PDB file of N, CA and C in Angstrom:
ATOM      1  N   MET A   1       6.417  26.433 274.964  1.00  0.00           N
ATOM      2  CA  MET A   1       5.991  26.382 273.589  1.00  0.00           C
ATOM      3  C   MET A   1       5.084  27.575 273.315  1.00  0.00           C
ATOM      4  N   LYS A   2       5.336  28.243 272.230  1.00  0.00           N
ATOM      5  CA  LYS A   2       4.518  29.382 271.816  1.00  0.00           C
ATOM      6  C   LYS A   2       3.554  28.923 270.731  1.00  0.00           C
ATOM      7  N   VAL A   3       2.329  29.396 270.768  1.00  0.00           N
ATOM      8  CA  VAL A   3       1.323  29.070 269.764  1.00  0.00           C
ATOM      9  C   VAL A   3       0.884  30.356 269.093  1.00  0.00           C
ATOM     10  N   GLU A   4       0.887  30.347 267.775  1.00  0.00           N
ATOM     11  CA  GLU A   4       0.390  31.484 266.997  1.00  0.00           C
ATOM     12  C   GLU A   4      -0.752  31.012 266.115  1.00  0.00           C
ATOM     13  N   LEU A   5      -1.799  31.779 266.041  1.00  0.00           N
ATOM     14  CA  LEU A   5      -2.914  31.495 265.149  1.00  0.00           C
ATOM     15  C   LEU A   5      -2.934  32.563 264.075  1.00  0.00           C
ATOM     16  N   ILE A   6      -3.012  32.141 262.817  1.00  0.00           N
ATOM     17  CA  ILE A   6      -3.180  33.162 261.788  1.00  0.00           C
ATOM     18  C   ILE A   6      -4.604  33.699 261.922  1.00  0.00           C
ATOM     19  N   GLN A   7      -4.855  34.893 261.416  1.00  0.00           N
ATOM     20  CA  GLN A   7      -6.117  35.586 261.665  1.00  0.00           C
ATOM     21  C   GLN A   7      -7.356  34.786 261.264  1.00  0.00           C
ATOM     22  N   PRO A   8      -7.406  34.140 260.091  1.00  0.00           N
ATOM     23  CA  PRO A   8      -8.618  33.373 259.771  1.00  0.00           C
ATOM     24  C   PRO A   8      -8.893  32.250 260.771  1.00  0.00           C
ATOM     25  N   ALA A   9      -7.856  31.588 261.263  1.00  0.00           N
ATOM     26  CA  ALA A   9      -8.045  30.539 262.269  1.00  0.00           C
ATOM     27  C   ALA A   9      -8.544  31.138 263.579  1.00  0.00           C
ATOM     28  N   ALA A  10      -8.002  32.265 263.960  1.00  0.00           N
ATOM     29  CA  ALA A  10      -8.446  32.936 265.185  1.00  0.00           C
ATOM     30  C   ALA A  10      -9.904  33.374 265.052  1.00  0.00           C
ATOM     31  N   ASP A  11     -10.291  33.860 263.884  1.00  0.00           N
ATOM     32  CA  ASP A  11     -11.675  34.278 263.661  1.00  0.00           C
ATOM     33  C   ASP A  11     -12.636  33.112 263.858  1.00  0.00           C
ATOM     34  N   VAL A  12     -12.279  31.949 263.313  1.00  0.00           N
ATOM     35  CA  VAL A  12     -13.122  30.764 263.469  1.00  0.00           C
ATOM     36  C   VAL A  12     -13.180  30.355 264.934  1.00  0.00           C
ATOM     37  N   LEU A  13     -12.043  30.340 265.589  1.00  0.00           N
ATOM     38  CA  LEU A  13     -11.970  29.899 266.977  1.00  0.00           C
ATOM     39  C   LEU A  13     -12.885  30.711 267.877  1.00  0.00           C
ATOM     40  N   PHE A  14     -12.984  31.998 267.640  1.00  0.00           N
ATOM     41  CA  PHE A  14     -13.792  32.851 268.504  1.00  0.00           C
ATOM     42  C   PHE A  14     -15.226  33.012 268.022  1.00  0.00           C
ATOM     43  N   ASP A  15     -15.579  32.253 266.970  1.00  0.00           N
ATOM     44  CA  ASP A  15     -16.926  32.355 266.419  1.00  0.00           C
ATOM     45  C   ASP A  15     -17.667  31.025 266.481  1.00  0.00           C
ATOM     46  N   VAL A  16     -17.232  30.130 267.373  1.00  0.00           N
ATOM     47  CA  VAL A  16     -17.862  28.810 267.501  1.00  0.00           C
ATOM     48  C   VAL A  16     -18.465  28.663 268.895  1.00  0.00           C
ATOM     49  N   PRO A  17     -19.402  27.724 269.068  1.00  0.00           N
ATOM     50  CA  PRO A  17     -19.977  27.489 270.400  1.00  0.00           C
ATOM     51  C   PRO A  17     -18.917  27.054 271.416  1.00  0.00           C
ATOM     52  N   ASP A  18     -19.224  27.216 272.684  1.00  0.00           N
ATOM     53  CA  ASP A  18     -18.267  26.938 273.759  1.00  0.00           C
ATOM     54  C   ASP A  18     -17.727  25.514 273.738  1.00  0.00           C
ATOM     55  N   ASP A  19     -18.588  24.511 273.490  1.00  0.00           N
ATOM     56  CA  ASP A  19     -18.109  23.131 273.511  1.00  0.00           C
ATOM     57  C   ASP A  19     -17.142  22.863 272.362  1.00  0.00           C
ATOM     58  N   VAL A  20     -17.396  23.454 271.224  1.00  0.00           N
ATOM     59  CA  VAL A  20     -16.494  23.319 270.076  1.00  0.00           C
ATOM     60  C   VAL A  20     -15.194  24.066 270.352  1.00  0.00           C
ATOM     61  N   HIS A  21     -15.309  25.240 270.926  1.00  0.00           N
ATOM     62  CA  HIS A  21     -14.143  26.036 271.291  1.00  0.00           C
ATOM     63  C   HIS A  21     -13.229  25.229 272.215  1.00  0.00           C
ATOM     64  N   ALA A  22     -13.819  24.560 273.202  1.00  0.00           N
ATOM     65  CA  ALA A  22     -13.044  23.761 274.155  1.00  0.00           C
ATOM     66  C   ALA A  22     -12.331  22.609 273.449  1.00  0.00           C
ATOM     67  N   GLU A  23     -12.988  21.969 272.487  1.00  0.00           N
ATOM     68  CA  GLU A  23     -12.351  20.865 271.758  1.00  0.00           C
ATOM     69  C   GLU A  23     -11.173  21.365 270.924  1.00  0.00           C
ATOM     70  N   ILE A  24     -11.330  22.497 270.270  1.00  0.00           N
ATOM     71  CA  ILE A  24     -10.244  23.049 269.460  1.00  0.00           C
ATOM     72  C   ILE A  24      -9.066  23.449 270.350  1.00  0.00           C
ATOM     73  N   ILE A  25      -9.350  24.069 271.491  1.00  0.00           N
ATOM     74  CA  ILE A  25      -8.285  24.442 272.433  1.00  0.00           C
ATOM     75  C   ILE A  25      -7.560  23.190 272.929  1.00  0.00           C
ATOM     76  N   ALA A  26      -8.304  22.117 273.183  1.00  0.00           N
ATOM     77  CA  ALA A  26      -7.676  20.863 273.625  1.00  0.00           C
ATOM     78  C   ALA A  26      -6.749  20.312 272.542  1.00  0.00           C
ATOM     79  N   LEU A  27      -7.140  20.404 271.276  1.00  0.00           N
ATOM     80  CA  LEU A  27      -6.274  19.961 270.176  1.00  0.00           C
ATOM     81  C   LEU A  27      -5.010  20.807 270.101  1.00  0.00           C
ATOM     82  N   ILE A  28      -5.167  22.107 270.208  1.00  0.00           N
ATOM     83  CA  ILE A  28      -4.002  23.001 270.167  1.00  0.00           C
ATOM     84  C   ILE A  28      -3.061  22.689 271.321  1.00  0.00           C
ATOM     85  N   THR A  29      -3.619  22.489 272.499  1.00  0.00           N
ATOM     86  CA  THR A  29      -2.799  22.171 273.670  1.00  0.00           C
ATOM     87  C   THR A  29      -2.054  20.860 273.475  1.00  0.00           C
ATOM     88  N   ALA A  30      -2.741  19.851 272.965  1.00  0.00           N
ATOM     89  CA  ALA A  30      -2.110  18.545 272.746  1.00  0.00           C
ATOM     90  C   ALA A  30      -0.950  18.652 271.766  1.00  0.00           C
ATOM     91  N   VAL A  31      -1.130  19.391 270.708  1.00  0.00           N
ATOM     92  CA  VAL A  31      -0.066  19.570 269.712  1.00  0.00           C
ATOM     93  C   VAL A  31       1.098  20.343 270.313  1.00  0.00           C
ATOM     94  N   ALA A  32       0.792  21.370 271.087  1.00  0.00           N
ATOM     95  CA  ALA A  32       1.840  22.228 271.645  1.00  0.00           C
ATOM     96  C   ALA A  32       2.694  21.515 272.688  1.00  0.00           C
ATOM     97  N   VAL A  33       2.106  20.616 273.460  1.00  0.00           N
ATOM     98  CA  VAL A  33       2.864  19.972 274.531  1.00  0.00           C
ATOM     99  C   VAL A  33       3.468  18.631 274.130  1.00  0.00           C
ATOM    100  N   ASP A  34       3.147  18.141 272.940  1.00  0.00           N
ATOM    101  CA  ASP A  34       3.670  16.850 272.490  1.00  0.00           C
ATOM    102  C   ASP A  34       5.094  17.011 271.975  1.00  0.00           C
ATOM    103  N   PRO A  35       6.092  16.533 272.716  1.00  0.00           N
ATOM    104  CA  PRO A  35       7.491  16.717 272.300  1.00  0.00           C
ATOM    105  C   PRO A  35       7.872  15.872 271.091  1.00  0.00           C
ATOM    106  N   THR A  36       7.053  14.897 270.732  1.00  0.00           N
ATOM    107  CA  THR A  36       7.382  14.041 269.580  1.00  0.00           C
ATOM    108  C   THR A  36       6.923  14.654 268.270  1.00  0.00           C
ATOM    109  N   THR A  37       6.121  15.706 268.338  1.00  0.00           N
ATOM    110  CA  THR A  37       5.637  16.362 267.131  1.00  0.00           C
ATOM    111  C   THR A  37       6.695  17.336 266.639  1.00  0.00           C
ATOM    112  N   LYS A  38       7.446  16.940 265.669  1.00  0.00           N
ATOM    113  CA  LYS A  38       8.532  17.775 265.141  1.00  0.00           C
ATOM    114  C   LYS A  38       8.322  17.998 263.652  1.00  0.00           C
ATOM    115  N   VAL A  39       7.195  18.547 263.259  1.00  0.00           N
ATOM    116  CA  VAL A  39       6.893  18.740 261.847  1.00  0.00           C
ATOM    117  C   VAL A  39       7.307  20.127 261.400  1.00  0.00           C
ATOM    118  N   SER A  40       7.831  20.210 260.201  1.00  0.00           N
ATOM    119  CA  SER A  40       8.094  21.524 259.625  1.00  0.00           C
ATOM    120  C   SER A  40       7.183  21.746 258.421  1.00  0.00           C
ATOM    121  N   ASP A  41       6.542  20.681 257.957  1.00  0.00           N
ATOM    122  CA  ASP A  41       5.546  20.785 256.899  1.00  0.00           C
ATOM    123  C   ASP A  41       4.163  20.841 257.541  1.00  0.00           C
ATOM    124  N   LEU A  42       3.149  20.831 256.728  1.00  0.00           N
ATOM    125  CA  LEU A  42       1.797  20.853 257.255  1.00  0.00           C
ATOM    126  C   LEU A  42       1.480  19.556 257.986  1.00  0.00           C
ATOM    127  N   ALA A  43       0.732  19.672 259.051  1.00  0.00           N
ATOM    128  CA  ALA A  43       0.253  18.516 259.802  1.00  0.00           C
ATOM    129  C   ALA A  43      -1.170  18.833 260.251  1.00  0.00           C
ATOM    130  N   ALA A  44      -1.881  17.800 260.660  1.00  0.00           N
ATOM    131  CA  ALA A  44      -3.250  17.990 261.124  1.00  0.00           C
ATOM    132  C   ALA A  44      -3.482  17.195 262.390  1.00  0.00           C
ATOM    133  N   ALA A  45      -4.403  17.677 263.191  1.00  0.00           N
ATOM    134  CA  ALA A  45      -4.838  16.974 264.388  1.00  0.00           C
ATOM    135  C   ALA A  45      -6.363  16.951 264.354  1.00  0.00           C
ATOM    136  N   PHE A  46      -6.922  15.827 264.772  1.00  0.00           N
ATOM    137  CA  PHE A  46      -8.364  15.649 264.703  1.00  0.00           C
ATOM    138  C   PHE A  46      -8.928  15.254 266.057  1.00  0.00           C
ATOM    139  N   GLY A  47     -10.032  15.866 266.405  1.00  0.00           N
ATOM    140  CA  GLY A  47     -10.778  15.497 267.595  1.00  0.00           C
ATOM    141  C   GLY A  47     -12.031  14.773 267.180  1.00  0.00           C
ATOM    142  N   GLU A  48     -12.998  14.703 268.089  1.00  0.00           N
ATOM    143  CA  GLU A  48     -14.250  14.022 267.771  1.00  0.00           C
ATOM    144  C   GLU A  48     -15.009  14.750 266.667  1.00  0.00           C
ATOM    145  N   TRP A  49     -15.069  16.081 266.756  1.00  0.00           N
ATOM    146  CA  TRP A  49     -15.797  16.873 265.772  1.00  0.00           C
ATOM    147  C   TRP A  49     -14.947  17.930 265.081  1.00  0.00           C
ATOM    148  N   CYS A  50     -13.782  18.218 265.614  1.00  0.00           N
ATOM    149  CA  CYS A  50     -12.996  19.353 265.130  1.00  0.00           C
ATOM    150  C   CYS A  50     -11.631  18.930 264.613  1.00  0.00           C
ATOM    151  N   TRP A  51     -10.990  19.846 263.923  1.00  0.00           N
ATOM    152  CA  TRP A  51      -9.649  19.603 263.408  1.00  0.00           C
ATOM    153  C   TRP A  51      -8.872  20.902 263.410  1.00  0.00           C
ATOM    154  N   LEU A  52      -7.568  20.749 263.283  1.00  0.00           N
ATOM    155  CA  LEU A  52      -6.726  21.910 263.049  1.00  0.00           C
ATOM    156  C   LEU A  52      -5.576  21.511 262.144  1.00  0.00           C
ATOM    157  N   VAL A  53      -5.143  22.458 261.361  1.00  0.00           N
ATOM    158  CA  VAL A  53      -3.993  22.292 260.473  1.00  0.00           C
ATOM    159  C   VAL A  53      -2.918  23.219 261.007  1.00  0.00           C
ATOM    160  N   TYR A  54      -1.719  22.691 261.154  1.00  0.00           N
ATOM    161  CA  TYR A  54      -0.661  23.471 261.773  1.00  0.00           C
ATOM    162  C   TYR A  54       0.687  23.106 261.185  1.00  0.00           C
ATOM    163  N   THR A  55       1.659  23.903 261.532  1.00  0.00           N
ATOM    164  CA  THR A  55       3.047  23.623 261.237  1.00  0.00           C
ATOM    165  C   THR A  55       3.854  24.028 262.459  1.00  0.00           C
ATOM    166  N   ARG A  56       5.037  23.530 262.579  1.00  0.00           N
ATOM    167  CA  ARG A  56       5.876  23.853 263.731  1.00  0.00           C
ATOM    168  C   ARG A  56       7.212  24.377 263.224  1.00  0.00           C
ATOM    169  N   HIS A  57       7.666  25.460 263.822  1.00  0.00           N
ATOM    170  CA  HIS A  57       8.964  26.054 263.519  1.00  0.00           C
ATOM    171  C   HIS A  57       9.698  26.234 264.843  1.00  0.00           C
ATOM    172  N   GLY A  58      10.559  25.283 265.170  1.00  0.00           N
ATOM    173  CA  GLY A  58      11.273  25.349 266.450  1.00  0.00           C
ATOM    174  C   GLY A  58      10.306  25.239 267.603  1.00  0.00           C
ATOM    175  N   ASP A  59      10.261  26.258 268.457  1.00  0.00           N
ATOM    176  CA  ASP A  59       9.373  26.267 269.618  1.00  0.00           C
ATOM    177  C   ASP A  59       8.032  26.940 269.344  1.00  0.00           C
ATOM    178  N   VAL A  60       7.708  27.150 268.085  1.00  0.00           N
ATOM    179  CA  VAL A  60       6.468  27.839 267.744  1.00  0.00           C
ATOM    180  C   VAL A  60       5.567  26.920 266.927  1.00  0.00           C
ATOM    181  N   VAL A  61       4.345  26.730 267.402  1.00  0.00           N
ATOM    182  CA  VAL A  61       3.319  26.021 266.650  1.00  0.00           C
ATOM    183  C   VAL A  61       2.461  27.091 265.986  1.00  0.00           C
ATOM    184  N   VAL A  62       2.352  27.022 264.677  1.00  0.00           N
ATOM    185  CA  VAL A  62       1.550  27.989 263.936  1.00  0.00           C
ATOM    186  C   VAL A  62       0.279  27.280 263.470  1.00  0.00           C
ATOM    187  N   VAL A  63      -0.853  27.708 263.989  1.00  0.00           N
ATOM    188  CA  VAL A  63      -2.142  27.137 263.612  1.00  0.00           C
ATOM    189  C   VAL A  63      -2.640  27.892 262.387  1.00  0.00           C
ATOM    190  N   LEU A  64      -2.789  27.140 261.295  1.00  0.00           N
ATOM    191  CA  LEU A  64      -3.168  27.749 260.023  1.00  0.00           C
ATOM    192  C   LEU A  64      -4.671  27.686 259.753  1.00  0.00           C
ATOM    193  N   ASP A  65      -5.324  26.651 260.280  1.00  0.00           N
ATOM    194  CA  ASP A  65      -6.759  26.481 260.017  1.00  0.00           C
ATOM    195  C   ASP A  65      -7.366  25.660 261.136  1.00  0.00           C
ATOM    196  N   VAL A  66      -8.582  25.997 261.501  1.00  0.00           N
ATOM    197  CA  VAL A  66      -9.358  25.212 262.447  1.00  0.00           C
ATOM    198  C   VAL A  66     -10.761  25.071 261.876  1.00  0.00           C
ATOM    199  N   GLY A  67     -11.427  24.010 262.270  1.00  0.00           N
ATOM    200  CA  GLY A  67     -12.779  23.817 261.782  1.00  0.00           C
ATOM    201  C   GLY A  67     -13.521  22.802 262.619  1.00  0.00           C
ATOM    202  N   CYS A  68     -14.802  22.707 262.345  1.00  0.00           N
ATOM    203  CA  CYS A  68     -15.653  21.797 263.090  1.00  0.00           C
ATOM    204  C   CYS A  68     -16.746  21.290 262.171  1.00  0.00           C
ATOM    205  N   ALA A  69     -17.115  20.034 262.345  1.00  0.00           N
ATOM    206  CA  ALA A  69     -18.152  19.422 261.515  1.00  0.00           C
ATOM    207  C   ALA A  69     -19.540  19.561 262.109  1.00  0.00           C
ATOM    208  N   ARG A  70     -19.672  20.265 263.220  1.00  0.00           N
ATOM    209  CA  ARG A  70     -21.000  20.446 263.825  1.00  0.00           C
ATOM    210  C   ARG A  70     -21.630  21.700 263.340  1.00  0.00           C
TER     211      ARG A  70
END
């Protein structure tokens, strides 16, 4: 599975504390390896403090937005 982050999402990902970064990476990993996630429209995944908005096109997960409530 290939994961692509659009630039604003990548900017946020690399501008957060390490613990938040780890939670966002865990969300991305969970979405990427879940074979039951077959969305072509927008979808979201939520962790304890963080979220991501993504879409999937075949074998590519495109992360459109990430954020954290901390």
